[in-house]
Amino acid sequence: MSTMNISLPETLKSFVDKQVSQGGYGTSSEYVRELIRKDQDRLRLRNLLLAGAESELGATPFSSNYFDSLRLRVSRPKKR
């Protein structure tokens, strides 16, 4: 594993230390690695969404009825 040193202002260091102690991380390195992994996932998802938006496959215009039905589904209480 490679090592990387970073410099942080005291306010950010305090924030990281708090996240480590409250978030169940063993070290600040674990916390930073988790942040990097989440950012990688976010970028992958963004690229997939952009590729899908640019794709012409399955492109079907949606009517206002479609969005109305979505709003209705999310506004209904969940059944238990």
PDB file of N, CA and C in Angstrom:
ATOM      1  N   MET A   1       0.854  -1.172   0.000  1.00  0.00           N
ATOM      2  CA  MET A   1       0.000   0.000   0.000  1.00  0.00           C
ATOM      3  C   MET A   1       0.896   1.231   0.000  1.00  0.00           C
ATOM      4  N   SER A   2       0.542   2.210  -0.798  1.00  0.00           N
ATOM      5  CA  SER A   2       1.297   3.462  -0.868  1.00  0.00           C
ATOM      6  C   SER A   2       0.883   4.400   0.250  1.00  0.00           C
ATOM      7  N   THR A   3       1.745   5.343   0.528  1.00  0.00           N
ATOM      8  CA  THR A   3       1.460   6.351   1.548  1.00  0.00           C
ATOM      9  C   THR A   3       1.328   7.706   0.886  1.00  0.00           C
ATOM     10  N   MET A   4       0.380   8.500   1.373  1.00  0.00           N
ATOM     11  CA  MET A   4       0.178   9.857   0.884  1.00  0.00           C
ATOM     12  C   MET A   4      -0.013  10.757   2.089  1.00  0.00           C
ATOM     13  N   ASN A   5       0.728  11.805   2.140  1.00  0.00           N
ATOM     14  CA  ASN A   5       0.570  12.776   3.221  1.00  0.00           C
ATOM     15  C   ASN A   5      -0.240  13.955   2.712  1.00  0.00           C
ATOM     16  N   ILE A   6      -1.170  14.424   3.523  1.00  0.00           N
ATOM     17  CA  ILE A   6      -1.964  15.587   3.144  1.00  0.00           C
ATOM     18  C   ILE A   6      -1.902  16.615   4.261  1.00  0.00           C
ATOM     19  N   SER A   7      -2.061  17.856   3.880  1.00  0.00           N
ATOM     20  CA  SER A   7      -2.102  18.944   4.854  1.00  0.00           C
ATOM     21  C   SER A   7      -3.528  19.463   4.934  1.00  0.00           C
ATOM     22  N   LEU A   8      -4.011  19.628   6.151  1.00  0.00           N
ATOM     23  CA  LEU A   8      -5.366  20.117   6.366  1.00  0.00           C
ATOM     24  C   LEU A   8      -5.327  21.281   7.338  1.00  0.00           C
ATOM     25  N   PRO A   9      -6.204  22.261   7.122  1.00  0.00           N
ATOM     26  CA  PRO A   9      -6.349  23.283   8.156  1.00  0.00           C
ATOM     27  C   PRO A   9      -6.912  22.626   9.420  1.00  0.00           C
ATOM     28  N   GLU A  10      -6.714  23.232  10.541  1.00  0.00           N
ATOM     29  CA  GLU A  10      -7.115  22.642  11.822  1.00  0.00           C
ATOM     30  C   GLU A  10      -8.609  22.319  11.857  1.00  0.00           C
ATOM     31  N   THR A  11      -9.426  23.166  11.235  1.00  0.00           N
ATOM     32  CA  THR A  11     -10.873  22.908  11.256  1.00  0.00           C
ATOM     33  C   THR A  11     -11.209  21.605  10.530  1.00  0.00           C
ATOM     34  N   LEU A  12     -10.556  21.349   9.400  1.00  0.00           N
ATOM     35  CA  LEU A  12     -10.819  20.097   8.679  1.00  0.00           C
ATOM     36  C   LEU A  12     -10.246  18.898   9.417  1.00  0.00           C
ATOM     37  N   LYS A  13      -9.085  19.043  10.021  1.00  0.00           N
ATOM     38  CA  LYS A  13      -8.511  17.956  10.804  1.00  0.00           C
ATOM     39  C   LYS A  13      -9.433  17.598  11.958  1.00  0.00           C
ATOM     40  N   SER A  14      -9.973  18.603  12.625  1.00  0.00           N
ATOM     41  CA  SER A  14     -10.918  18.357  13.725  1.00  0.00           C
ATOM     42  C   SER A  14     -12.155  17.628  13.222  1.00  0.00           C
ATOM     43  N   PHE A  15     -12.632  18.032  12.056  1.00  0.00           N
ATOM     44  CA  PHE A  15     -13.797  17.375  11.467  1.00  0.00           C
ATOM     45  C   PHE A  15     -13.496  15.905  11.197  1.00  0.00           C
ATOM     46  N   VAL A  16     -12.351  15.631  10.587  1.00  0.00           N
ATOM     47  CA  VAL A  16     -11.964  14.243  10.284  1.00  0.00           C
ATOM     48  C   VAL A  16     -11.840  13.448  11.576  1.00  0.00           C
ATOM     49  N   ASP A  17     -11.190  14.011  12.573  1.00  0.00           N
ATOM     50  CA  ASP A  17     -11.033  13.317  13.853  1.00  0.00           C
ATOM     51  C   ASP A  17     -12.392  12.980  14.469  1.00  0.00           C
ATOM     52  N   LYS A  18     -13.332  13.897  14.368  1.00  0.00           N
ATOM     53  CA  LYS A  18     -14.673  13.664  14.905  1.00  0.00           C
ATOM     54  C   LYS A  18     -15.379  12.549  14.132  1.00  0.00           C
ATOM     55  N   GLN A  19     -15.238  12.562  12.812  1.00  0.00           N
ATOM     56  CA  GLN A  19     -15.858  11.518  11.994  1.00  0.00           C
ATOM     57  C   GLN A  19     -15.270  10.155  12.321  1.00  0.00           C
ATOM     58  N   VAL A  20     -13.970  10.110  12.547  1.00  0.00           N
ATOM     59  CA  VAL A  20     -13.310   8.846  12.882  1.00  0.00           C
ATOM     60  C   VAL A  20     -13.837   8.322  14.214  1.00  0.00           C
ATOM     61  N   SER A  21     -13.904   9.193  15.211  1.00  0.00           N
ATOM     62  CA  SER A  21     -14.325   8.734  16.536  1.00  0.00           C
ATOM     63  C   SER A  21     -15.809   8.388  16.582  1.00  0.00           C
ATOM     64  N   GLN A  22     -16.639   9.102  15.837  1.00  0.00           N
ATOM     65  CA  GLN A  22     -18.086   8.857  15.880  1.00  0.00           C
ATOM     66  C   GLN A  22     -18.571   7.913  14.789  1.00  0.00           C
ATOM     67  N   GLY A  23     -17.770   7.748  13.743  1.00  0.00           N
ATOM     68  CA  GLY A  23     -18.238   6.966  12.598  1.00  0.00           C
ATOM     69  C   GLY A  23     -17.754   5.538  12.564  1.00  0.00           C
ATOM     70  N   GLY A  24     -17.041   5.111  13.596  1.00  0.00           N
ATOM     71  CA  GLY A  24     -16.614   3.724  13.640  1.00  0.00           C
ATOM     72  C   GLY A  24     -15.389   3.422  12.793  1.00  0.00           C
ATOM     73  N   TYR A  25     -14.657   4.432  12.413  1.00  0.00           N
ATOM     74  CA  TYR A  25     -13.421   4.220  11.659  1.00  0.00           C
ATOM     75  C   TYR A  25     -12.274   4.041  12.640  1.00  0.00           C
ATOM     76  N   GLY A  26     -11.325   3.196  12.283  1.00  0.00           N
ATOM     77  CA  GLY A  26     -10.183   2.978  13.145  1.00  0.00           C
ATOM     78  C   GLY A  26      -9.146   4.085  13.045  1.00  0.00           C
ATOM     79  N   THR A  27      -9.025   4.636  11.851  1.00  0.00           N
ATOM     80  CA  THR A  27      -8.020   5.676  11.614  1.00  0.00           C
ATOM     81  C   THR A  27      -8.559   6.697  10.629  1.00  0.00           C
ATOM     82  N   SER A  28      -7.885   7.820  10.556  1.00  0.00           N
ATOM     83  CA  SER A  28      -8.280   8.825   9.566  1.00  0.00           C
ATOM     84  C   SER A  28      -8.055   8.299   8.152  1.00  0.00           C
ATOM     85  N   SER A  29      -7.074   7.416   7.976  1.00  0.00           N
ATOM     86  CA  SER A  29      -6.837   6.825   6.653  1.00  0.00           C
ATOM     87  C   SER A  29      -8.043   6.015   6.196  1.00  0.00           C
ATOM     88  N   GLU A  30      -8.650   5.249   7.111  1.00  0.00           N
ATOM     89  CA  GLU A  30      -9.853   4.486   6.758  1.00  0.00           C
ATOM     90  C   GLU A  30     -10.975   5.419   6.324  1.00  0.00           C
ATOM     91  N   TYR A  31     -11.124   6.509   7.035  1.00  0.00           N
ATOM     92  CA  TYR A  31     -12.174   7.479   6.704  1.00  0.00           C
ATOM     93  C   TYR A  31     -11.938   8.078   5.318  1.00  0.00           C
ATOM     94  N   VAL A  32     -10.712   8.481   5.041  1.00  0.00           N
ATOM     95  CA  VAL A  32     -10.395   9.091   3.744  1.00  0.00           C
ATOM     96  C   VAL A  32     -10.556   8.068   2.621  1.00  0.00           C
ATOM     97  N   ARG A  33     -10.136   6.827   2.862  1.00  0.00           N
ATOM     98  CA  ARG A  33     -10.326   5.790   1.829  1.00  0.00           C
ATOM     99  C   ARG A  33     -11.802   5.602   1.516  1.00  0.00           C
ATOM    100  N   GLU A  34     -12.641   5.606   2.559  1.00  0.00           N
ATOM    101  CA  GLU A  34     -14.089   5.471   2.349  1.00  0.00           C
ATOM    102  C   GLU A  34     -14.636   6.638   1.538  1.00  0.00           C
ATOM    103  N   LEU A  35     -14.183   7.848   1.827  1.00  0.00           N
ATOM    104  CA  LEU A  35     -14.619   9.014   1.051  1.00  0.00           C
ATOM    105  C   LEU A  35     -14.224   8.877  -0.414  1.00  0.00           C
ATOM    106  N   ILE A  36     -13.015   8.404  -0.656  1.00  0.00           N
ATOM    107  CA  ILE A  36     -12.541   8.243  -2.036  1.00  0.00           C
ATOM    108  C   ILE A  36     -13.355   7.182  -2.755  1.00  0.00           C
ATOM    109  N   ARG A  37     -13.641   6.064  -2.073  1.00  0.00           N
ATOM    110  CA  ARG A  37     -14.464   5.017  -2.697  1.00  0.00           C
ATOM    111  C   ARG A  37     -15.858   5.538  -3.041  1.00  0.00           C
ATOM    112  N   LYS A  38     -16.447   6.298  -2.132  1.00  0.00           N
ATOM    113  CA  LYS A  38     -17.775   6.865  -2.402  1.00  0.00           C
ATOM    114  C   LYS A  38     -17.726   7.833  -3.577  1.00  0.00           C
ATOM    115  N   ASP A  39     -16.664   8.603  -3.679  1.00  0.00           N
ATOM    116  CA  ASP A  39     -16.532   9.533  -4.800  1.00  0.00           C
ATOM    117  C   ASP A  39     -16.354   8.763  -6.116  1.00  0.00           C
ATOM    118  N   GLN A  40     -15.597   7.665  -6.079  1.00  0.00           N
ATOM    119  CA  GLN A  40     -15.456   6.831  -7.274  1.00  0.00           C
ATOM    120  C   GLN A  40     -16.813   6.276  -7.698  1.00  0.00           C
ATOM    121  N   ASP A  41     -17.597   5.786  -6.730  1.00  0.00           N
ATOM    122  CA  ASP A  41     -18.938   5.272  -7.037  1.00  0.00           C
ATOM    123  C   ASP A  41     -19.819   6.359  -7.622  1.00  0.00           C
ATOM    124  N   ARG A  42     -19.752   7.567  -7.052  1.00  0.00           N
ATOM    125  CA  ARG A  42     -20.550   8.685  -7.536  1.00  0.00           C
ATOM    126  C   ARG A  42     -20.181   9.021  -8.976  1.00  0.00           C
ATOM    127  N   LEU A  43     -18.881   9.025  -9.281  1.00  0.00           N
ATOM    128  CA  LEU A  43     -18.440   9.330 -10.645  1.00  0.00           C
ATOM    129  C   LEU A  43     -18.861   8.246 -11.627  1.00  0.00           C
ATOM    130  N   ARG A  44     -18.784   6.969 -11.198  1.00  0.00           N
ATOM    131  CA  ARG A  44     -19.242   5.875 -12.074  1.00  0.00           C
ATOM    132  C   ARG A  44     -20.720   6.017 -12.378  1.00  0.00           C
ATOM    133  N   LEU A  45     -21.520   6.296 -11.342  1.00  0.00           N
ATOM    134  CA  LEU A  45     -22.952   6.463 -11.541  1.00  0.00           C
ATOM    135  C   LEU A  45     -23.235   7.652 -12.451  1.00  0.00           C
ATOM    136  N   ARG A  46     -22.547   8.750 -12.225  1.00  0.00           N
ATOM    137  CA  ARG A  46     -22.733   9.944 -13.071  1.00  0.00           C
ATOM    138  C   ARG A  46     -22.436   9.617 -14.531  1.00  0.00           C
ATOM    139  N   ASN A  47     -21.329   8.900 -14.766  1.00  0.00           N
ATOM    140  CA  ASN A  47     -20.974   8.550 -16.141  1.00  0.00           C
ATOM    141  C   ASN A  47     -21.992   7.617 -16.766  1.00  0.00           C
ATOM    142  N   LEU A  48     -22.525   6.670 -15.977  1.00  0.00           N
ATOM    143  CA  LEU A  48     -23.567   5.794 -16.505  1.00  0.00           C
ATOM    144  C   LEU A  48     -24.831   6.575 -16.843  1.00  0.00           C
ATOM    145  N   LEU A  49     -25.200   7.508 -15.972  1.00  0.00           N
ATOM    146  CA  LEU A  49     -26.385   8.327 -16.238  1.00  0.00           C
ATOM    147  C   LEU A  49     -26.193   9.193 -17.477  1.00  0.00           C
ATOM    148  N   LEU A  50     -25.017   9.777 -17.609  1.00  0.00           N
ATOM    149  CA  LEU A  50     -24.749  10.590 -18.792  1.00  0.00           C
ATOM    150  C   LEU A  50     -24.764   9.743 -20.061  1.00  0.00           C
ATOM    151  N   ALA A  51     -24.168   8.545 -19.994  1.00  0.00           N
ATOM    152  CA  ALA A  51     -24.174   7.661 -21.160  1.00  0.00           C
ATOM    153  C   ALA A  51     -25.603   7.273 -21.525  1.00  0.00           C
ATOM    154  N   GLY A  52     -26.417   6.988 -20.517  1.00  0.00           N
ATOM    155  CA  GLY A  52     -27.815   6.652 -20.782  1.00  0.00           C
ATOM    156  C   GLY A  52     -28.585   7.817 -21.371  1.00  0.00           C
ATOM    157  N   ALA A  53     -28.312   9.016 -20.873  1.00  0.00           N
ATOM    158  CA  ALA A  53     -29.008  10.197 -21.381  1.00  0.00           C
ATOM    159  C   ALA A  53     -28.614  10.492 -22.826  1.00  0.00           C
ATOM    160  N   GLU A  54     -27.385  10.175 -23.167  1.00  0.00           N
ATOM    161  CA  GLU A  54     -26.917  10.434 -24.538  1.00  0.00           C
ATOM    162  C   GLU A  54     -27.294   9.310 -25.493  1.00  0.00           C
ATOM    163  N   SER A  55     -27.690   8.169 -24.956  1.00  0.00           N
ATOM    164  CA  SER A  55     -28.031   7.013 -25.773  1.00  0.00           C
ATOM    165  C   SER A  55     -29.397   7.213 -26.426  1.00  0.00           C
ATOM    166  N   GLU A  56     -29.513   6.701 -27.628  1.00  0.00           N
ATOM    167  CA  GLU A  56     -30.795   6.779 -28.320  1.00  0.00           C
ATOM    168  C   GLU A  56     -31.574   5.490 -28.161  1.00  0.00           C
ATOM    169  N   LEU A  57     -30.964   4.479 -27.553  1.00  0.00           N
ATOM    170  CA  LEU A  57     -31.641   3.200 -27.377  1.00  0.00           C
ATOM    171  C   LEU A  57     -32.741   3.346 -26.334  1.00  0.00           C
ATOM    172  N   GLY A  58     -33.908   2.939 -26.690  1.00  0.00           N
ATOM    173  CA  GLY A  58     -35.019   2.951 -25.754  1.00  0.00           C
ATOM    174  C   GLY A  58     -35.493   4.339 -25.364  1.00  0.00           C
ATOM    175  N   ALA A  59     -35.117   5.327 -26.127  1.00  0.00           N
ATOM    176  CA  ALA A  59     -35.537   6.684 -25.799  1.00  0.00           C
ATOM    177  C   ALA A  59     -37.015   6.846 -26.134  1.00  0.00           C
ATOM    178  N   THR A  60     -37.813   6.993 -25.101  1.00  0.00           N
ATOM    179  CA  THR A  60     -39.244   7.174 -25.273  1.00  0.00           C
ATOM    180  C   THR A  60     -39.649   8.439 -24.541  1.00  0.00           C
ATOM    181  N   PRO A  61     -40.290   9.363 -25.237  1.00  0.00           N
ATOM    182  CA  PRO A  61     -40.734  10.567 -24.527  1.00  0.00           C
ATOM    183  C   PRO A  61     -41.787  10.212 -23.485  1.00  0.00           C
ATOM    184  N   PHE A  62     -41.739  10.880 -22.355  1.00  0.00           N
ATOM    185  CA  PHE A  62     -42.699  10.637 -21.289  1.00  0.00           C
ATOM    186  C   PHE A  62     -43.782  11.693 -21.323  1.00  0.00           C
ATOM    187  N   SER A  63     -44.992  11.242 -21.061  1.00  0.00           N
ATOM    188  CA  SER A  63     -46.109  12.173 -21.003  1.00  0.00           C
ATOM    189  C   SER A  63     -46.269  12.669 -19.568  1.00  0.00           C
ATOM    190  N   SER A  64     -47.074  13.688 -19.388  1.00  0.00           N
ATOM    191  CA  SER A  64     -47.332  14.188 -18.042  1.00  0.00           C
ATOM    192  C   SER A  64     -48.043  13.124 -17.205  1.00  0.00           C
ATOM    193  N   ASN A  65     -48.779  12.221 -17.846  1.00  0.00           N
ATOM    194  CA  ASN A  65     -49.441  11.135 -17.117  1.00  0.00           C
ATOM    195  C   ASN A  65     -48.422  10.234 -16.425  1.00  0.00           C
ATOM    196  N   TYR A  66     -47.309   9.998 -17.083  1.00  0.00           N
ATOM    197  CA  TYR A  66     -46.262   9.169 -16.498  1.00  0.00           C
ATOM    198  C   TYR A  66     -45.763   9.791 -15.192  1.00  0.00           C
ATOM    199  N   PHE A  67     -45.454  11.084 -15.227  1.00  0.00           N
ATOM    200  CA  PHE A  67     -44.957  11.758 -14.028  1.00  0.00           C
ATOM    201  C   PHE A  67     -46.035  11.874 -12.958  1.00  0.00           C
ATOM    202  N   ASP A  68     -47.286  12.053 -13.376  1.00  0.00           N
ATOM    203  CA  ASP A  68     -48.387  12.072 -12.399  1.00  0.00           C
ATOM    204  C   ASP A  68     -48.489  10.730 -11.673  1.00  0.00           C
ATOM    205  N   SER A  69     -48.335   9.624 -12.418  1.00  0.00           N
ATOM    206  CA  SER A  69     -48.425   8.303 -11.793  1.00  0.00           C
ATOM    207  C   SER A  69     -47.241   8.077 -10.840  1.00  0.00           C
ATOM    208  N   LEU A  70     -46.061   8.586 -11.192  1.00  0.00           N
ATOM    209  CA  LEU A  70     -44.920   8.480 -10.282  1.00  0.00           C
ATOM    210  C   LEU A  70     -45.169   9.252  -8.997  1.00  0.00           C
ATOM    211  N   ARG A  71     -45.678  10.469  -9.130  1.00  0.00           N
ATOM    212  CA  ARG A  71     -45.972  11.281  -7.945  1.00  0.00           C
ATOM    213  C   ARG A  71     -46.986  10.576  -7.046  1.00  0.00           C
ATOM    214  N   LEU A  72     -47.975   9.977  -7.647  1.00  0.00           N
ATOM    215  CA  LEU A  72     -48.996   9.264  -6.884  1.00  0.00           C
ATOM    216  C   LEU A  72     -48.386   8.078  -6.141  1.00  0.00           C
ATOM    217  N   ARG A  73     -47.519   7.318  -6.811  1.00  0.00           N
ATOM    218  CA  ARG A  73     -46.890   6.155  -6.180  1.00  0.00           C
ATOM    219  C   ARG A  73     -46.022   6.544  -4.993  1.00  0.00           C
ATOM    220  N   VAL A  74     -45.271   7.613  -5.107  1.00  0.00           N
ATOM    221  CA  VAL A  74     -44.368   7.980  -4.005  1.00  0.00           C
ATOM    222  C   VAL A  74     -45.110   8.689  -2.881  1.00  0.00           C
ATOM    223  N   SER A  75     -46.296   9.230  -3.167  1.00  0.00           N
ATOM    224  CA  SER A  75     -47.032   9.928  -2.110  1.00  0.00           C
ATOM    225  C   SER A  75     -47.916   8.980  -1.291  1.00  0.00           C
ATOM    226  N   ARG A  76     -48.157   7.774  -1.778  1.00  0.00           N
ATOM    227  CA  ARG A  76     -48.967   6.803  -1.048  1.00  0.00           C
ATOM    228  C   ARG A  76     -48.184   6.262   0.143  1.00  0.00           C
ATOM    229  N   PRO A  77     -48.874   6.058   1.278  1.00  0.00           N
ATOM    230  CA  PRO A  77     -48.200   5.413   2.406  1.00  0.00           C
ATOM    231  C   PRO A  77     -47.836   3.979   2.040  1.00  0.00           C
ATOM    232  N   LYS A  78     -46.701   3.513   2.562  1.00  0.00           N
ATOM    233  CA  LYS A  78     -46.274   2.140   2.269  1.00  0.00           C
ATOM    234  C   LYS A  78     -47.152   1.154   3.010  1.00  0.00           C
ATOM    235  N   LYS A  79     -47.472   0.041   2.340  1.00  0.00           N
ATOM    236  CA  LYS A  79     -48.256  -1.022   2.952  1.00  0.00           C
ATOM    237  C   LYS A  79     -47.340  -1.875   3.808  1.00  0.00           C
ATOM    238  N   ARG A  80     -47.836  -2.283   4.940  1.00  0.00           N
ATOM    239  CA  ARG A  80     -47.032  -3.149   5.828  1.00  0.00           C
ATOM    240  C   ARG A  80     -47.550  -4.534   5.834  1.00  0.00           C
TER     241      ARG A  80
END
